[in-house]
Amino acid sequence: MSLTDPIADMLTRIRNAIQVKKKELSIPSSRMKVEIAKILKEEGYIRNFKVTDDNKQGILSISLKYTEDYDGVISGLKRISRPGCRAYCNSDSIPKVIGGMGIVILSTSKGIATGKKCEKLGVGGEILCYIW
């Protein structure tokens, strides 16, 4: 089975796992998914992640993070740029998510980065997703 939008599949799997309060989830790995997971860990949205080799494309295991009330640290994820409708922004028009409370992840010429990092680097790119 081929997926037309593997990033949307990743975000949906994370959203579903948080709704049923799973501690960990596994998804097929790719370089872009690993970079997104790295950003989520750096920003404190997930506990940890690891990539295991299965002699195919690999498996990305993500350990989710919860509050003391067992609510997910991630309260929302939204895919912005899709295969049918790409969304781009300049370095001076990077969107803010919930007034700066969330993060925007962009695919730039310098790699996958958050909106804050893109503003510092002075680059724009394709808006992948919002996370809050």
N, C-alpha and C. Protein backbone atom coordinates (compact mmCIF):
# COMPACT_ATOMS: atom_id res chain seq x y z
N MET A 1 0.85 -1.19 0.00
CA MET A 1 0.00 0.00 0.00
C MET A 1 0.89 1.24 0.00
N SER A 2 0.67 2.12 -0.93
CA SER A 2 1.45 3.35 -0.98
C SER A 2 0.63 4.50 -0.40
N LEU A 3 1.33 5.35 0.32
CA LEU A 3 0.68 6.52 0.91
C LEU A 3 0.98 7.74 0.06
N THR A 4 -0.01 8.57 -0.15
CA THR A 4 0.23 9.79 -0.91
C THR A 4 0.77 10.90 -0.01
N ASP A 5 0.48 10.83 1.30
CA ASP A 5 0.95 11.85 2.23
C ASP A 5 1.42 11.21 3.53
N PRO A 6 2.67 10.75 3.59
CA PRO A 6 3.17 10.07 4.78
C PRO A 6 3.26 10.96 6.02
N ILE A 7 3.44 12.27 5.84
CA ILE A 7 3.52 13.16 7.00
C ILE A 7 2.14 13.30 7.65
N ALA A 8 1.09 13.40 6.83
CA ALA A 8 -0.26 13.45 7.37
C ALA A 8 -0.58 12.15 8.09
N ASP A 9 -0.09 11.03 7.57
CA ASP A 9 -0.29 9.74 8.23
C ASP A 9 0.41 9.73 9.59
N MET A 10 1.61 10.27 9.66
CA MET A 10 2.35 10.34 10.93
C MET A 10 1.59 11.18 11.95
N LEU A 11 1.12 12.36 11.54
CA LEU A 11 0.39 13.24 12.44
C LEU A 11 -0.91 12.60 12.91
N THR A 12 -1.60 11.90 12.01
CA THR A 12 -2.84 11.23 12.38
C THR A 12 -2.58 10.11 13.37
N ARG A 13 -1.50 9.37 13.18
CA ARG A 13 -1.18 8.29 14.12
C ARG A 13 -0.84 8.86 15.51
N ILE A 14 -0.14 9.98 15.54
CA ILE A 14 0.17 10.62 16.83
C ILE A 14 -1.13 11.10 17.49
N ARG A 15 -1.99 11.76 16.72
CA ARG A 15 -3.27 12.26 17.23
C ARG A 15 -4.12 11.12 17.80
N ASN A 16 -4.21 10.00 17.06
CA ASN A 16 -5.00 8.87 17.51
C ASN A 16 -4.41 8.22 18.76
N ALA A 17 -3.09 8.11 18.82
CA ALA A 17 -2.43 7.51 19.99
C ALA A 17 -2.65 8.36 21.24
N ILE A 18 -2.66 9.68 21.08
CA ILE A 18 -2.90 10.56 22.23
C ILE A 18 -4.34 10.43 22.69
N GLN A 19 -5.28 10.28 21.77
CA GLN A 19 -6.69 10.15 22.14
C GLN A 19 -6.95 8.88 22.96
N VAL A 20 -6.24 7.80 22.64
CA VAL A 20 -6.43 6.56 23.40
C VAL A 20 -5.38 6.40 24.50
N LYS A 21 -4.57 7.45 24.71
CA LYS A 21 -3.58 7.54 25.78
C LYS A 21 -2.53 6.44 25.75
N LYS A 22 -2.00 6.15 24.55
CA LYS A 22 -0.92 5.18 24.41
C LYS A 22 0.38 5.83 24.84
N LYS A 23 1.30 5.05 25.37
CA LYS A 23 2.60 5.58 25.78
C LYS A 23 3.56 5.65 24.62
N GLU A 24 3.42 4.74 23.66
CA GLU A 24 4.35 4.68 22.54
C GLU A 24 3.62 4.26 21.28
N LEU A 25 4.12 4.73 20.14
CA LEU A 25 3.57 4.32 18.86
C LEU A 25 4.69 4.08 17.88
N SER A 26 4.45 3.25 16.90
CA SER A 26 5.44 2.92 15.88
C SER A 26 4.88 3.24 14.51
N ILE A 27 5.71 3.85 13.69
CA ILE A 27 5.32 4.20 12.33
C ILE A 27 6.47 3.88 11.39
N PRO A 28 6.20 3.68 10.11
CA PRO A 28 7.30 3.50 9.16
C PRO A 28 8.18 4.75 9.12
N SER A 29 9.47 4.55 9.05
CA SER A 29 10.41 5.66 9.16
C SER A 29 10.76 6.26 7.80
N SER A 30 11.14 7.53 7.83
CA SER A 30 11.73 8.23 6.69
C SER A 30 12.57 9.37 7.26
N ARG A 31 13.42 9.94 6.45
CA ARG A 31 14.28 11.02 6.95
C ARG A 31 13.47 12.22 7.42
N MET A 32 12.41 12.57 6.69
CA MET A 32 11.61 13.72 7.06
C MET A 32 10.85 13.46 8.37
N LYS A 33 10.32 12.25 8.54
CA LYS A 33 9.62 11.91 9.79
C LYS A 33 10.57 11.95 10.98
N VAL A 34 11.80 11.48 10.79
CA VAL A 34 12.79 11.52 11.87
C VAL A 34 13.14 12.96 12.23
N GLU A 35 13.26 13.82 11.24
CA GLU A 35 13.54 15.24 11.50
C GLU A 35 12.38 15.90 12.24
N ILE A 36 11.15 15.57 11.87
CA ILE A 36 9.98 16.12 12.56
C ILE A 36 9.96 15.62 14.01
N ALA A 37 10.25 14.33 14.21
CA ALA A 37 10.30 13.78 15.57
C ALA A 37 11.41 14.44 16.39
N LYS A 38 12.53 14.76 15.75
CA LYS A 38 13.64 15.44 16.44
C LYS A 38 13.19 16.83 16.91
N ILE A 39 12.46 17.54 16.07
CA ILE A 39 11.95 18.86 16.46
C ILE A 39 10.94 18.73 17.59
N LEU A 40 10.05 17.73 17.52
CA LEU A 40 9.07 17.53 18.58
C LEU A 40 9.76 17.24 19.92
N LYS A 41 10.86 16.50 19.89
CA LYS A 41 11.60 16.21 21.13
C LYS A 41 12.29 17.47 21.65
N GLU A 42 12.93 18.22 20.76
CA GLU A 42 13.62 19.46 21.16
C GLU A 42 12.65 20.46 21.77
N GLU A 43 11.44 20.53 21.24
CA GLU A 43 10.44 21.49 21.72
C GLU A 43 9.67 20.97 22.93
N GLY A 44 9.88 19.71 23.32
CA GLY A 44 9.26 19.16 24.52
C GLY A 44 7.88 18.58 24.32
N TYR A 45 7.50 18.26 23.08
CA TYR A 45 6.18 17.71 22.82
C TYR A 45 6.13 16.19 22.96
N ILE A 46 7.27 15.52 22.77
CA ILE A 46 7.33 14.07 22.97
C ILE A 46 8.47 13.76 23.93
N ARG A 47 8.40 12.57 24.54
CA ARG A 47 9.42 12.18 25.50
C ARG A 47 10.71 11.77 24.79
N ASN A 48 10.60 10.89 23.80
CA ASN A 48 11.77 10.40 23.09
C ASN A 48 11.33 9.73 21.79
N PHE A 49 12.30 9.39 20.95
CA PHE A 49 12.04 8.64 19.74
C PHE A 49 13.28 7.81 19.41
N LYS A 50 13.08 6.73 18.67
CA LYS A 50 14.22 5.93 18.20
C LYS A 50 13.85 5.29 16.88
N VAL A 51 14.88 5.03 16.09
CA VAL A 51 14.70 4.39 14.80
C VAL A 51 15.34 3.02 14.87
N THR A 52 14.57 1.98 14.55
CA THR A 52 15.11 0.63 14.51
C THR A 52 15.08 0.13 13.08
N ASP A 53 16.12 -0.63 12.72
CA ASP A 53 16.25 -1.14 11.37
C ASP A 53 15.50 -2.47 11.26
N ASP A 54 14.67 -2.60 10.24
CA ASP A 54 13.95 -3.85 10.01
C ASP A 54 14.25 -4.41 8.62
N ASN A 55 15.41 -4.04 8.06
CA ASN A 55 15.86 -4.45 6.73
C ASN A 55 14.92 -4.00 5.61
N LYS A 56 14.07 -3.01 5.90
CA LYS A 56 13.23 -2.39 4.88
C LYS A 56 13.49 -0.89 4.96
N GLN A 57 12.53 -0.12 5.44
CA GLN A 57 12.74 1.31 5.56
C GLN A 57 12.98 1.74 6.99
N GLY A 58 12.80 0.86 7.95
CA GLY A 58 13.00 1.18 9.35
C GLY A 58 11.69 1.53 10.03
N ILE A 59 11.73 1.47 11.36
CA ILE A 59 10.54 1.78 12.16
C ILE A 59 10.89 2.91 13.12
N LEU A 60 10.08 3.95 13.12
CA LEU A 60 10.24 5.08 14.03
C LEU A 60 9.30 4.87 15.20
N SER A 61 9.88 4.71 16.41
CA SER A 61 9.08 4.55 17.62
C SER A 61 9.11 5.86 18.39
N ILE A 62 7.93 6.37 18.72
CA ILE A 62 7.81 7.65 19.41
C ILE A 62 7.18 7.42 20.78
N SER A 63 7.85 7.90 21.83
CA SER A 63 7.30 7.84 23.19
C SER A 63 6.59 9.16 23.47
N LEU A 64 5.30 9.08 23.70
CA LEU A 64 4.49 10.29 23.90
C LEU A 64 4.65 10.82 25.31
N LYS A 65 4.39 12.09 25.47
CA LYS A 65 4.52 12.78 26.75
C LYS A 65 3.15 13.22 27.22
N TYR A 66 2.88 13.02 28.52
CA TYR A 66 1.60 13.37 29.11
C TYR A 66 1.81 14.24 30.34
N THR A 67 0.77 15.00 30.70
CA THR A 67 0.81 15.81 31.92
C THR A 67 0.48 14.93 33.12
N GLU A 68 0.47 15.53 34.31
CA GLU A 68 0.14 14.77 35.52
C GLU A 68 -1.31 14.28 35.50
N ASP A 69 -2.20 15.01 34.84
CA ASP A 69 -3.60 14.61 34.71
C ASP A 69 -3.80 13.62 33.56
N TYR A 70 -2.72 13.18 32.96
CA TYR A 70 -2.70 12.25 31.83
C TYR A 70 -3.39 12.83 30.59
N ASP A 71 -3.24 14.14 30.42
CA ASP A 71 -3.64 14.79 29.18
C ASP A 71 -2.40 14.88 28.31
N GLY A 72 -2.57 14.74 27.01
CA GLY A 72 -1.42 14.80 26.11
C GLY A 72 -0.80 16.19 26.10
N VAL A 73 0.53 16.25 26.06
CA VAL A 73 1.22 17.53 25.93
C VAL A 73 0.87 18.15 24.59
N ILE A 74 0.72 17.30 23.57
CA ILE A 74 0.27 17.77 22.26
C ILE A 74 -1.26 17.82 22.31
N SER A 75 -1.81 19.01 22.19
CA SER A 75 -3.27 19.12 22.19
C SER A 75 -3.84 19.22 20.78
N GLY A 76 -2.99 19.49 19.79
CA GLY A 76 -3.46 19.56 18.42
C GLY A 76 -2.35 19.51 17.41
N LEU A 77 -2.63 18.89 16.27
CA LEU A 77 -1.71 18.83 15.14
C LEU A 77 -2.51 19.11 13.88
N LYS A 78 -1.93 19.88 12.97
CA LYS A 78 -2.65 20.18 11.73
C LYS A 78 -1.67 20.19 10.57
N ARG A 79 -1.96 19.41 9.57
CA ARG A 79 -1.16 19.37 8.34
C ARG A 79 -1.58 20.55 7.49
N ILE A 80 -0.63 21.34 7.03
CA ILE A 80 -0.94 22.54 6.24
C ILE A 80 -0.71 22.28 4.75
N SER A 81 0.53 22.05 4.37
CA SER A 81 0.85 21.82 2.97
C SER A 81 0.58 20.36 2.63
N ARG A 82 -0.26 20.14 1.63
CA ARG A 82 -0.63 18.79 1.23
C ARG A 82 -0.15 18.55 -0.20
N PRO A 83 -0.11 17.30 -0.64
CA PRO A 83 0.32 17.05 -2.02
C PRO A 83 -0.54 17.76 -3.06
N GLY A 84 -1.83 17.96 -2.78
CA GLY A 84 -2.72 18.62 -3.73
C GLY A 84 -2.72 20.13 -3.63
N CYS A 85 -2.22 20.67 -2.52
CA CYS A 85 -2.25 22.11 -2.29
C CYS A 85 -1.06 22.51 -1.42
N ARG A 86 0.03 22.86 -2.03
CA ARG A 86 1.24 23.24 -1.30
C ARG A 86 1.09 24.64 -0.73
N ALA A 87 1.68 24.86 0.45
CA ALA A 87 1.64 26.17 1.10
C ALA A 87 3.06 26.61 1.43
N TYR A 88 3.43 27.81 1.01
CA TYR A 88 4.78 28.34 1.21
C TYR A 88 4.71 29.68 1.93
N CYS A 89 5.83 30.08 2.53
CA CYS A 89 5.90 31.40 3.15
C CYS A 89 7.32 31.93 3.05
N ASN A 90 7.43 33.24 3.12
CA ASN A 90 8.74 33.91 3.15
C ASN A 90 9.24 33.96 4.59
N SER A 91 10.48 34.39 4.75
CA SER A 91 11.05 34.48 6.11
C SER A 91 10.37 35.56 6.94
N ASP A 92 9.79 36.56 6.28
CA ASP A 92 9.12 37.63 7.02
C ASP A 92 7.62 37.40 7.17
N SER A 93 7.09 36.29 6.63
CA SER A 93 5.66 36.01 6.76
C SER A 93 5.39 34.63 7.35
N ILE A 94 6.28 34.17 8.24
CA ILE A 94 6.10 32.87 8.88
C ILE A 94 4.93 32.98 9.86
N PRO A 95 3.93 32.10 9.74
CA PRO A 95 2.75 32.21 10.60
C PRO A 95 3.04 31.87 12.06
N LYS A 96 2.25 32.45 12.96
CA LYS A 96 2.32 32.15 14.39
C LYS A 96 1.18 31.20 14.71
N VAL A 97 1.44 30.22 15.54
CA VAL A 97 0.43 29.23 15.92
C VAL A 97 -0.06 29.58 17.32
N ILE A 98 -1.34 29.87 17.45
CA ILE A 98 -1.98 30.26 18.71
C ILE A 98 -1.18 31.36 19.40
N GLY A 99 -0.89 32.40 18.66
CA GLY A 99 -0.19 33.56 19.21
C GLY A 99 1.21 33.25 19.72
N GLY A 100 1.88 32.26 19.15
CA GLY A 100 3.22 31.90 19.57
C GLY A 100 3.26 30.78 20.60
N MET A 101 2.11 30.25 20.99
CA MET A 101 2.08 29.16 21.98
C MET A 101 2.39 27.81 21.34
N GLY A 102 2.19 27.67 20.06
CA GLY A 102 2.50 26.43 19.34
C GLY A 102 3.69 26.64 18.43
N ILE A 103 4.00 25.62 17.64
CA ILE A 103 5.11 25.74 16.70
C ILE A 103 4.63 25.45 15.29
N VAL A 104 5.33 26.02 14.34
CA VAL A 104 5.11 25.73 12.93
C VAL A 104 6.39 25.05 12.44
N ILE A 105 6.25 23.96 11.70
CA ILE A 105 7.40 23.24 11.16
C ILE A 105 7.44 23.48 9.66
N LEU A 106 8.62 23.90 9.18
CA LEU A 106 8.80 24.22 7.77
C LEU A 106 9.89 23.36 7.16
N SER A 107 9.75 23.11 5.87
CA SER A 107 10.79 22.45 5.09
C SER A 107 11.49 23.54 4.29
N THR A 108 12.75 23.79 4.61
CA THR A 108 13.50 24.88 3.98
C THR A 108 14.69 24.33 3.20
N SER A 109 15.41 25.22 2.58
CA SER A 109 16.63 24.83 1.89
C SER A 109 17.73 24.45 2.88
N LYS A 110 17.57 24.84 4.13
CA LYS A 110 18.51 24.51 5.21
C LYS A 110 18.07 23.28 5.99
N GLY A 111 17.00 22.61 5.56
CA GLY A 111 16.49 21.42 6.24
C GLY A 111 15.16 21.70 6.92
N ILE A 112 14.68 20.73 7.68
CA ILE A 112 13.42 20.87 8.41
C ILE A 112 13.70 21.71 9.66
N ALA A 113 12.89 22.74 9.90
CA ALA A 113 13.14 23.65 11.02
C ALA A 113 11.83 24.23 11.54
N THR A 114 11.90 24.77 12.76
CA THR A 114 10.74 25.46 13.33
C THR A 114 10.67 26.88 12.76
N GLY A 115 9.54 27.54 12.99
CA GLY A 115 9.36 28.90 12.51
C GLY A 115 10.36 29.86 13.14
N LYS A 116 10.65 29.69 14.45
CA LYS A 116 11.60 30.57 15.13
C LYS A 116 13.00 30.45 14.54
N LYS A 117 13.41 29.20 14.26
CA LYS A 117 14.73 28.99 13.67
C LYS A 117 14.81 29.58 12.27
N CYS A 118 13.71 29.47 11.52
CA CYS A 118 13.68 30.03 10.17
C CYS A 118 13.78 31.55 10.19
N GLU A 119 13.15 32.18 11.20
CA GLU A 119 13.26 33.63 11.33
C GLU A 119 14.70 34.04 11.62
N LYS A 120 15.39 33.27 12.47
CA LYS A 120 16.79 33.56 12.79
C LYS A 120 17.69 33.38 11.58
N LEU A 121 17.42 32.30 10.80
CA LEU A 121 18.23 32.03 9.61
C LEU A 121 17.86 32.93 8.44
N GLY A 122 16.67 33.51 8.48
CA GLY A 122 16.22 34.38 7.39
C GLY A 122 15.80 33.61 6.15
N VAL A 123 15.22 32.41 6.36
CA VAL A 123 14.77 31.61 5.23
C VAL A 123 13.28 31.29 5.38
N GLY A 124 12.64 31.07 4.28
CA GLY A 124 11.25 30.63 4.26
C GLY A 124 11.20 29.23 3.68
N GLY A 125 10.00 28.75 3.41
CA GLY A 125 9.89 27.42 2.83
C GLY A 125 8.47 26.92 2.83
N GLU A 126 8.34 25.61 2.70
CA GLU A 126 7.03 24.96 2.67
C GLU A 126 6.55 24.73 4.10
N ILE A 127 5.34 25.16 4.40
CA ILE A 127 4.77 24.99 5.74
C ILE A 127 4.25 23.56 5.85
N LEU A 128 4.91 22.73 6.65
CA LEU A 128 4.51 21.34 6.79
C LEU A 128 3.32 21.17 7.71
N CYS A 129 3.43 21.69 8.96
CA CYS A 129 2.36 21.47 9.92
C CYS A 129 2.43 22.46 11.07
N TYR A 130 1.31 22.56 11.79
CA TYR A 130 1.21 23.30 13.04
C TYR A 130 1.08 22.30 14.17
N ILE A 131 1.72 22.58 15.30
CA ILE A 131 1.59 21.73 16.49
C ILE A 131 1.40 22.64 17.69
N TRP A 132 0.41 22.32 18.49
CA TRP A 132 0.17 23.10 19.72
C TRP A 132 -0.29 22.19 20.82
